[in-house]
């Protein structure tokens, strides 16, 4: 007769929670990957505007060196201000997205720590079950040995009585 592990239901619950923690970690890693991709896109957009600004500054300097009208200079300055504003807006977006990436990284780390905790819980129960199995096996062997000893004793007594009665 094999005894059933008394904490089997708890073990099943812990296993299920471990699987849920693994799934949660995968989801958080995917969310982090998406946030990092968004950051890459926003940084590319910012870098394009930055390159455009540098090109326009170079063009502006060349135009000044060649000599041009005041209206043209004012027009170029105004355009450079517009480009600067776009650059500032993109820089703010980059910083905000970096914060989102940092939050995603923190969420992944928290999910990873929770997964480790769940793994430890499952490992503890596995160890407990192995110990319990050993104890049950030892108790069963002890019981069988005791029963065998009793049966041997009874047989011995019978034989002794038989010999005594039949000299």
N, C-alpha and C. Protein backbone atom coordinates (compact mmCIF):
# COMPACT_ATOMS: atom_id res chain seq x y z
N UNK A 1 0.85 -1.18 0.00
CA UNK A 1 0.00 0.00 0.00
C UNK A 1 0.89 1.24 0.00
N UNK A 2 0.84 1.98 -1.08
CA UNK A 2 1.66 3.19 -1.18
C UNK A 2 0.87 4.37 -0.63
N UNK A 3 1.44 5.07 0.31
CA UNK A 3 0.78 6.24 0.89
C UNK A 3 0.91 7.40 -0.08
N UNK A 4 -0.09 8.23 -0.07
CA UNK A 4 -0.07 9.40 -0.92
C UNK A 4 0.55 10.56 -0.16
N UNK A 5 1.39 11.34 -0.85
CA UNK A 5 2.07 12.47 -0.22
C UNK A 5 1.02 13.46 0.28
N UNK A 6 1.04 13.79 1.58
CA UNK A 6 -0.01 14.63 2.15
C UNK A 6 -0.02 16.08 1.64
N UNK A 7 1.10 16.54 1.12
CA UNK A 7 1.17 17.92 0.64
C UNK A 7 1.07 17.99 -0.89
N UNK A 8 0.50 16.96 -1.51
CA UNK A 8 0.42 16.88 -2.97
C UNK A 8 -0.33 18.07 -3.56
N UNK A 9 -1.45 18.45 -2.95
CA UNK A 9 -2.23 19.58 -3.47
C UNK A 9 -1.43 20.87 -3.38
N UNK A 10 -0.74 21.05 -2.28
CA UNK A 10 0.09 22.26 -2.12
C UNK A 10 1.19 22.25 -3.18
N UNK A 11 1.77 21.09 -3.41
CA UNK A 11 2.83 20.95 -4.42
C UNK A 11 2.29 21.33 -5.80
N UNK A 12 1.09 20.87 -6.12
CA UNK A 12 0.48 21.20 -7.41
C UNK A 12 0.24 22.71 -7.53
N UNK A 13 -0.22 23.31 -6.45
CA UNK A 13 -0.45 24.76 -6.45
C UNK A 13 0.87 25.50 -6.66
N UNK A 14 1.91 25.07 -5.95
CA UNK A 14 3.23 25.72 -6.08
C UNK A 14 3.77 25.55 -7.50
N UNK A 15 3.58 24.36 -8.10
CA UNK A 15 4.01 24.14 -9.48
C UNK A 15 3.27 25.07 -10.44
N UNK A 16 1.97 25.23 -10.21
CA UNK A 16 1.17 26.10 -11.07
C UNK A 16 1.64 27.55 -10.92
N UNK A 17 1.92 27.96 -9.71
CA UNK A 17 2.40 29.33 -9.49
C UNK A 17 3.76 29.54 -10.14
N UNK A 18 4.59 28.51 -10.13
CA UNK A 18 5.89 28.59 -10.80
C UNK A 18 5.70 28.78 -12.30
N UNK A 19 4.79 28.03 -12.88
CA UNK A 19 4.52 28.17 -14.31
C UNK A 19 3.98 29.56 -14.63
N UNK A 20 3.11 30.08 -13.77
CA UNK A 20 2.58 31.43 -13.96
C UNK A 20 3.70 32.46 -13.86
N UNK A 21 4.62 32.28 -12.93
CA UNK A 21 5.74 33.21 -12.78
C UNK A 21 6.65 33.16 -14.01
N UNK A 22 6.84 31.97 -14.57
CA UNK A 22 7.65 31.85 -15.80
C UNK A 22 6.97 32.58 -16.95
N UNK A 23 5.66 32.41 -17.06
CA UNK A 23 4.91 33.10 -18.12
C UNK A 23 4.98 34.61 -17.92
N UNK A 24 4.82 35.05 -16.68
CA UNK A 24 4.86 36.48 -16.36
C UNK A 24 6.23 37.07 -16.73
N UNK A 25 7.29 36.33 -16.42
CA UNK A 25 8.64 36.80 -16.76
C UNK A 25 8.80 36.92 -18.27
N UNK A 26 8.30 35.92 -19.01
CA UNK A 26 8.38 36.00 -20.48
C UNK A 26 7.64 37.23 -21.00
N UNK A 27 6.46 37.51 -20.43
CA UNK A 27 5.68 38.68 -20.84
C UNK A 27 6.44 39.97 -20.55
N UNK A 28 7.05 40.05 -19.38
CA UNK A 28 7.79 41.26 -19.01
C UNK A 28 9.02 41.44 -19.90
N UNK A 29 9.68 40.35 -20.26
CA UNK A 29 10.83 40.45 -21.16
C UNK A 29 10.39 40.93 -22.54
N UNK A 30 9.24 40.44 -22.99
CA UNK A 30 8.71 40.88 -24.29
C UNK A 30 8.34 42.37 -24.23
N UNK A 31 7.74 42.79 -23.13
CA UNK A 31 7.40 44.20 -22.96
C UNK A 31 8.67 45.05 -22.96
N UNK A 32 9.72 44.57 -22.31
CA UNK A 32 11.00 45.29 -22.29
C UNK A 32 11.56 45.40 -23.71
N UNK A 33 11.49 44.30 -24.45
CA UNK A 33 12.00 44.31 -25.82
C UNK A 33 11.26 45.35 -26.67
N UNK A 34 9.94 45.42 -26.49
CA UNK A 34 9.13 46.39 -27.25
C UNK A 34 9.50 47.82 -26.86
N UNK A 35 9.69 48.06 -25.56
CA UNK A 35 10.07 49.41 -25.11
C UNK A 35 11.44 49.79 -25.66
N UNK A 36 12.36 48.84 -25.69
CA UNK A 36 13.69 49.12 -26.24
C UNK A 36 13.62 49.40 -27.73
N UNK A 37 12.72 48.70 -28.42
CA UNK A 37 12.54 48.96 -29.86
C UNK A 37 11.97 50.36 -30.07
N UNK A 38 10.99 50.74 -29.24
CA UNK A 38 10.43 52.10 -29.34
C UNK A 38 11.53 53.13 -29.10
N UNK A 39 12.39 52.87 -28.13
CA UNK A 39 13.50 53.79 -27.84
C UNK A 39 14.41 53.91 -29.05
N UNK A 40 14.72 52.78 -29.66
CA UNK A 40 15.60 52.79 -30.84
C UNK A 40 14.99 53.65 -31.96
N UNK A 41 13.69 53.51 -32.18
CA UNK A 41 13.00 54.28 -33.22
C UNK A 41 13.04 55.77 -32.89
N UNK A 42 12.73 56.12 -31.65
CA UNK A 42 12.71 57.53 -31.24
C UNK A 42 14.12 58.13 -31.34
N UNK A 43 15.13 57.36 -30.95
CA UNK A 43 16.51 57.85 -31.06
C UNK A 43 16.91 58.06 -32.52
N UNK A 44 16.46 57.16 -33.40
CA UNK A 44 16.75 57.33 -34.83
C UNK A 44 16.11 58.61 -35.36
N UNK A 45 14.86 58.84 -34.97
CA UNK A 45 14.16 60.06 -35.40
C UNK A 45 14.90 61.30 -34.89
N UNK A 46 15.32 61.26 -33.63
CA UNK A 46 16.07 62.38 -33.06
C UNK A 46 17.38 62.58 -33.80
N UNK A 47 18.08 61.50 -34.09
CA UNK A 47 19.36 61.59 -34.78
C UNK A 47 19.20 62.15 -36.20
N UNK A 48 18.09 61.80 -36.86
CA UNK A 48 17.83 62.37 -38.19
C UNK A 48 17.66 63.88 -38.10
N UNK A 49 16.90 64.33 -37.11
CA UNK A 49 16.71 65.77 -36.93
C UNK A 49 18.03 66.44 -36.57
N UNK A 50 18.83 65.79 -35.75
CA UNK A 50 20.14 66.32 -35.36
C UNK A 50 21.04 66.46 -36.59
N UNK A 51 21.06 65.46 -37.43
CA UNK A 51 21.86 65.53 -38.66
C UNK A 51 21.34 66.63 -39.58
N UNK A 52 20.01 66.75 -39.66
CA UNK A 52 19.42 67.80 -40.49
C UNK A 52 19.82 69.17 -39.96
N UNK A 53 19.80 69.33 -38.63
CA UNK A 53 20.20 70.60 -38.02
C UNK A 53 21.66 70.92 -38.34
N UNK A 54 22.52 69.91 -38.20
CA UNK A 54 23.94 70.12 -38.50
C UNK A 54 24.13 70.52 -39.96
N UNK A 55 23.39 69.87 -40.85
CA UNK A 55 23.49 70.21 -42.28
C UNK A 55 23.03 71.64 -42.52
N UNK A 56 21.95 72.04 -41.87
CA UNK A 56 21.43 73.41 -42.06
C UNK A 56 22.38 74.44 -41.45
N UNK A 57 23.00 74.10 -40.31
CA UNK A 57 23.99 75.02 -39.72
C UNK A 57 25.18 75.20 -40.66
N UNK A 58 25.62 74.11 -41.24
CA UNK A 58 26.74 74.19 -42.19
C UNK A 58 26.34 75.04 -43.39
N UNK A 59 25.13 74.80 -43.88
CA UNK A 59 24.63 75.59 -45.02
C UNK A 59 24.54 77.07 -44.63
N UNK A 60 24.07 77.34 -43.43
CA UNK A 60 23.94 78.72 -42.96
C UNK A 60 25.30 79.41 -42.90
N UNK A 61 26.30 78.71 -42.36
CA UNK A 61 27.66 79.28 -42.28
C UNK A 61 28.22 79.55 -43.67
N UNK A 62 28.01 78.61 -44.56
CA UNK A 62 28.50 78.80 -45.93
C UNK A 62 27.82 79.99 -46.59
N UNK A 63 26.52 80.12 -46.33
CA UNK A 63 25.77 81.25 -46.91
C UNK A 63 26.29 82.56 -46.33
N UNK A 64 26.59 82.58 -45.03
CA UNK A 64 27.13 83.79 -44.41
C UNK A 64 28.50 84.13 -44.99
N UNK A 65 29.31 83.10 -45.20
CA UNK A 65 30.65 83.32 -45.77
C UNK A 65 30.56 83.89 -47.18
N UNK A 66 29.58 83.43 -47.94
CA UNK A 66 29.42 83.91 -49.32
C UNK A 66 28.84 85.32 -49.33
N UNK A 67 28.08 85.62 -48.31
CA UNK A 67 27.43 86.93 -48.26
C UNK A 67 26.05 86.81 -48.87
N UNK A 68 25.05 87.27 -48.14
CA UNK A 68 23.68 87.17 -48.62
C UNK A 68 22.86 88.29 -48.00
N UNK A 69 21.59 88.33 -48.35
CA UNK A 69 20.72 89.40 -47.87
C UNK A 69 20.30 89.14 -46.43
N UNK A 70 19.91 90.20 -45.77
CA UNK A 70 19.45 90.11 -44.38
C UNK A 70 18.18 89.27 -44.30
N UNK A 71 17.31 89.42 -45.27
CA UNK A 71 16.07 88.64 -45.27
C UNK A 71 16.36 87.14 -45.33
N UNK A 72 17.30 86.79 -46.16
CA UNK A 72 17.68 85.37 -46.31
C UNK A 72 18.27 84.86 -44.99
N UNK A 73 19.11 85.69 -44.35
CA UNK A 73 19.71 85.30 -43.07
C UNK A 73 18.63 85.11 -42.01
N UNK A 74 17.68 86.05 -41.94
CA UNK A 74 16.58 85.95 -40.97
C UNK A 74 15.73 84.71 -41.22
N UNK A 75 15.50 84.45 -42.49
CA UNK A 75 14.70 83.28 -42.85
C UNK A 75 15.42 81.99 -42.41
N UNK A 76 16.72 81.93 -42.62
CA UNK A 76 17.50 80.75 -42.24
C UNK A 76 17.54 80.60 -40.71
N UNK A 77 17.70 81.74 -39.99
CA UNK A 77 17.71 81.69 -38.53
C UNK A 77 16.37 81.17 -38.00
N UNK A 78 15.30 81.66 -38.60
CA UNK A 78 13.97 81.23 -38.18
C UNK A 78 13.79 79.72 -38.41
N UNK A 79 14.27 79.25 -39.56
CA UNK A 79 14.16 77.83 -39.86
C UNK A 79 14.99 77.01 -38.86
N UNK A 80 16.17 77.51 -38.52
CA UNK A 80 17.01 76.81 -37.54
C UNK A 80 16.33 76.73 -36.17
N UNK A 81 15.59 77.79 -35.81
CA UNK A 81 14.84 77.77 -34.54
C UNK A 81 13.76 76.68 -34.57
N UNK A 82 13.10 76.55 -35.71
CA UNK A 82 12.07 75.52 -35.86
C UNK A 82 12.70 74.12 -35.71
N UNK A 83 13.85 73.94 -36.35
CA UNK A 83 14.55 72.66 -36.27
C UNK A 83 14.99 72.40 -34.82
N UNK A 84 15.48 73.44 -34.13
CA UNK A 84 15.88 73.29 -32.72
C UNK A 84 14.69 72.85 -31.86
N UNK A 85 13.52 73.43 -32.11
CA UNK A 85 12.33 73.06 -31.35
C UNK A 85 11.97 71.59 -31.59
N UNK A 86 12.04 71.18 -32.86
CA UNK A 86 11.76 69.78 -33.18
C UNK A 86 12.76 68.87 -32.46
N UNK A 87 14.01 69.29 -32.44
CA UNK A 87 15.05 68.51 -31.78
C UNK A 87 14.78 68.40 -30.28
N UNK A 88 14.37 69.51 -29.66
CA UNK A 88 14.05 69.49 -28.23
C UNK A 88 12.89 68.54 -27.94
N UNK A 89 11.87 68.59 -28.79
CA UNK A 89 10.71 67.72 -28.61
C UNK A 89 11.13 66.26 -28.71
N UNK A 90 11.95 65.95 -29.70
CA UNK A 90 12.42 64.56 -29.87
C UNK A 90 13.31 64.14 -28.70
N UNK A 91 14.11 65.06 -28.21
CA UNK A 91 14.98 64.73 -27.07
C UNK A 91 14.14 64.40 -25.84
N UNK A 92 13.06 65.15 -25.64
CA UNK A 92 12.15 64.87 -24.53
C UNK A 92 11.53 63.48 -24.70
N UNK A 93 11.13 63.18 -25.95
CA UNK A 93 10.55 61.85 -26.21
C UNK A 93 11.57 60.75 -25.93
N UNK A 94 12.82 60.99 -26.30
CA UNK A 94 13.87 60.00 -26.05
C UNK A 94 14.02 59.79 -24.54
N UNK A 95 14.05 60.88 -23.78
CA UNK A 95 14.21 60.76 -22.33
C UNK A 95 13.02 60.03 -21.70
N UNK A 96 11.81 60.35 -22.17
CA UNK A 96 10.62 59.68 -21.65
C UNK A 96 10.66 58.19 -21.98
N UNK A 97 11.10 57.87 -23.19
CA UNK A 97 11.17 56.46 -23.58
C UNK A 97 12.25 55.72 -22.80
N UNK A 98 13.34 56.42 -22.48
CA UNK A 98 14.38 55.80 -21.66
C UNK A 98 13.81 55.45 -20.28
N UNK A 99 12.95 56.33 -19.76
CA UNK A 99 12.31 56.04 -18.47
C UNK A 99 11.43 54.81 -18.58
N UNK A 100 10.71 54.69 -19.71
CA UNK A 100 9.86 53.52 -19.92
C UNK A 100 10.69 52.24 -20.00
N UNK A 101 11.84 52.33 -20.66
CA UNK A 101 12.74 51.18 -20.75
C UNK A 101 13.24 50.81 -19.35
N UNK A 102 13.61 51.82 -18.57
CA UNK A 102 14.08 51.56 -17.20
C UNK A 102 12.99 50.89 -16.36
N UNK A 103 11.74 51.36 -16.53
CA UNK A 103 10.63 50.74 -15.81
C UNK A 103 10.44 49.29 -16.25
N UNK A 104 10.58 49.05 -17.55
CA UNK A 104 10.43 47.69 -18.07
C UNK A 104 11.55 46.79 -17.54
N UNK A 105 12.76 47.33 -17.46
CA UNK A 105 13.89 46.55 -16.92
C UNK A 105 13.63 46.21 -15.45
N UNK A 106 13.11 47.19 -14.70
CA UNK A 106 12.80 46.94 -13.29
C UNK A 106 11.70 45.89 -13.15
N UNK A 107 10.72 45.93 -14.04
CA UNK A 107 9.63 44.94 -13.99
C UNK A 107 10.17 43.54 -14.30
N UNK A 108 11.09 43.45 -15.25
CA UNK A 108 11.70 42.16 -15.57
C UNK A 108 12.48 41.64 -14.36
N UNK A 109 13.22 42.52 -13.72
CA UNK A 109 14.01 42.10 -12.55
C UNK A 109 13.09 41.62 -11.42
N UNK A 110 11.99 42.35 -11.20
CA UNK A 110 11.05 41.95 -10.15
C UNK A 110 10.42 40.59 -10.50
N UNK A 111 10.08 40.41 -11.76
CA UNK A 111 9.50 39.13 -12.19
C UNK A 111 10.52 38.00 -12.05
N UNK A 112 11.78 38.29 -12.34
CA UNK A 112 12.83 37.28 -12.22
C UNK A 112 13.01 36.87 -10.75
N UNK A 113 13.00 37.86 -9.86
CA UNK A 113 13.14 37.55 -8.43
C UNK A 113 11.95 36.74 -7.93
N UNK A 114 10.77 37.07 -8.41
CA UNK A 114 9.57 36.32 -8.02
C UNK A 114 9.66 34.88 -8.53
N UNK A 115 10.16 34.72 -9.75
CA UNK A 115 10.34 33.38 -10.31
C UNK A 115 11.32 32.57 -9.45
N UNK A 116 12.42 33.19 -9.05
CA UNK A 116 13.39 32.50 -8.21
C UNK A 116 12.76 32.06 -6.89
N UNK A 117 11.94 32.92 -6.33
CA UNK A 117 11.25 32.60 -5.07
C UNK A 117 10.33 31.39 -5.27
N UNK A 118 9.59 31.39 -6.37
CA UNK A 118 8.69 30.27 -6.66
C UNK A 118 9.48 28.99 -6.89
N UNK A 119 10.63 29.10 -7.56
CA UNK A 119 11.46 27.92 -7.79
C UNK A 119 11.96 27.35 -6.46
N UNK A 120 12.37 28.23 -5.56
CA UNK A 120 12.82 27.77 -4.24
C UNK A 120 11.69 27.06 -3.49
N UNK A 121 10.48 27.62 -3.58
CA UNK A 121 9.34 26.98 -2.91
C UNK A 121 9.11 25.57 -3.45
N UNK A 122 9.17 25.43 -4.77
CA UNK A 122 8.96 24.11 -5.38
C UNK A 122 10.09 23.16 -4.99
N UNK A 123 11.32 23.66 -4.99
CA UNK A 123 12.46 22.83 -4.61
C UNK A 123 12.34 22.35 -3.16
N UNK A 124 11.90 23.24 -2.27
CA UNK A 124 11.73 22.87 -0.87
C UNK A 124 10.71 21.74 -0.73
N UNK A 125 9.60 21.88 -1.47
CA UNK A 125 8.59 20.83 -1.40
C UNK A 125 9.09 19.52 -2.00
N UNK A 126 9.88 19.61 -3.07
CA UNK A 126 10.45 18.39 -3.66
C UNK A 126 11.36 17.68 -2.65
N UNK A 127 12.19 18.46 -1.98
CA UNK A 127 13.08 17.89 -0.96
C UNK A 127 12.26 17.27 0.17
N UNK A 128 11.22 18.01 0.59
CA UNK A 128 10.36 17.50 1.66
C UNK A 128 9.70 16.19 1.24
N UNK A 129 9.24 16.12 -0.02
CA UNK A 129 8.58 14.90 -0.48
C UNK A 129 9.56 13.73 -0.50
N UNK A 130 10.79 13.97 -0.93
CA UNK A 130 11.80 12.90 -0.93
C UNK A 130 12.05 12.40 0.49
N UNK A 131 12.18 13.34 1.42
CA UNK A 131 12.40 12.96 2.82
C UNK A 131 11.19 12.18 3.35
N UNK A 132 10.01 12.65 3.01
CA UNK A 132 8.78 11.99 3.46
C UNK A 132 8.72 10.57 2.90
N UNK A 133 9.04 10.42 1.60
CA UNK A 133 9.06 9.10 0.97
C UNK A 133 10.03 8.16 1.69
N UNK A 134 11.21 8.69 2.04
CA UNK A 134 12.19 7.87 2.77
C UNK A 134 11.63 7.43 4.12
N UNK A 135 10.99 8.37 4.83
CA UNK A 135 10.43 8.05 6.14
C UNK A 135 9.33 7.00 6.03
N UNK A 136 8.46 7.16 5.03
CA UNK A 136 7.37 6.20 4.84
C UNK A 136 7.95 4.83 4.51
N UNK A 137 8.95 4.80 3.65
CA UNK A 137 9.58 3.53 3.27
C UNK A 137 10.23 2.88 4.50
N UNK A 138 10.93 3.67 5.30
CA UNK A 138 11.59 3.15 6.50
C UNK A 138 10.55 2.62 7.49
N UNK A 139 9.45 3.35 7.66
CA UNK A 139 8.40 2.91 8.58
C UNK A 139 7.77 1.62 8.09
N UNK A 140 7.56 1.52 6.78
CA UNK A 140 6.97 0.32 6.21
C UNK A 140 7.91 -0.87 6.38
N UNK A 141 9.19 -0.65 6.13
CA UNK A 141 10.17 -1.72 6.31
C UNK A 141 10.24 -2.16 7.77
N UNK A 142 10.18 -1.19 8.68
CA UNK A 142 10.20 -1.51 10.12
C UNK A 142 8.97 -2.34 10.49
N UNK A 143 7.82 -1.94 9.96
CA UNK A 143 6.58 -2.66 10.25
C UNK A 143 6.67 -4.09 9.72
N UNK A 144 7.17 -4.22 8.47
CA UNK A 144 7.31 -5.55 7.88
C UNK A 144 8.30 -6.40 8.69
N UNK A 145 9.38 -5.79 9.13
CA UNK A 145 10.37 -6.52 9.93
C UNK A 145 9.76 -6.96 11.26
N UNK A 146 9.01 -6.08 11.89
CA UNK A 146 8.36 -6.40 13.16
C UNK A 146 7.37 -7.54 12.97
N UNK A 147 6.58 -7.46 11.90
CA UNK A 147 5.60 -8.52 11.62
C UNK A 147 6.32 -9.84 11.36
N UNK A 148 7.42 -9.78 10.60
CA UNK A 148 8.18 -11.00 10.31
C UNK A 148 8.76 -11.58 11.60
N UNK A 149 9.26 -10.70 12.48
CA UNK A 149 9.80 -11.16 13.76
C UNK A 149 8.70 -11.82 14.60
N UNK A 150 7.52 -11.20 14.62
CA UNK A 150 6.41 -11.76 15.38
C UNK A 150 6.01 -13.11 14.82
N UNK A 151 5.95 -13.18 13.48
CA UNK A 151 5.58 -14.46 12.86
C UNK A 151 6.64 -15.51 13.15
N UNK A 152 7.90 -15.12 13.10
CA UNK A 152 8.99 -16.04 13.42
C UNK A 152 8.90 -16.50 14.86
N UNK A 153 8.58 -15.57 15.74
CA UNK A 153 8.44 -15.89 17.15
C UNK A 153 7.30 -16.86 17.38
N UNK A 154 6.18 -16.62 16.71
CA UNK A 154 5.02 -17.50 16.85
C UNK A 154 5.37 -18.89 16.33
N UNK A 155 6.02 -18.96 15.18
CA UNK A 155 6.41 -20.26 14.62
C UNK A 155 7.39 -20.98 15.56
N UNK A 156 8.30 -20.22 16.10
CA UNK A 156 9.28 -20.81 17.02
C UNK A 156 8.57 -21.38 18.25
N UNK A 157 7.62 -20.61 18.78
CA UNK A 157 6.87 -21.08 19.95
C UNK A 157 6.09 -22.34 19.60
N UNK A 158 5.50 -22.38 18.44
CA UNK A 158 4.74 -23.56 18.01
C UNK A 158 5.64 -24.79 17.94
N UNK A 159 6.80 -24.58 17.30
CA UNK A 159 7.73 -25.69 17.17
C UNK A 159 8.22 -26.15 18.55
N UNK A 160 8.44 -25.21 19.43
CA UNK A 160 8.90 -25.51 20.78
C UNK A 160 7.84 -26.33 21.52
N UNK A 161 6.59 -25.90 21.39
CA UNK A 161 5.49 -26.60 22.04
C UNK A 161 5.32 -28.00 21.43
N UNK A 162 5.47 -28.04 20.12
CA UNK A 162 5.34 -29.32 19.44
C UNK A 162 6.40 -30.30 19.94
N UNK A 163 7.62 -29.80 20.05
CA UNK A 163 8.72 -30.65 20.54
C UNK A 163 8.47 -31.06 21.99
N UNK A 164 7.93 -30.14 22.77
CA UNK A 164 7.67 -30.40 24.18
C UNK A 164 6.56 -31.44 24.32
N UNK A 165 5.55 -31.32 23.50
CA UNK A 165 4.42 -32.24 23.55
C UNK A 165 4.76 -33.58 22.91
N UNK A 166 5.62 -33.59 21.97
CA UNK A 166 6.04 -34.82 21.29
C UNK A 166 7.51 -35.06 21.57
N UNK A 167 7.81 -35.65 22.71
CA UNK A 167 9.23 -35.86 23.01
C UNK A 167 9.85 -36.96 22.23
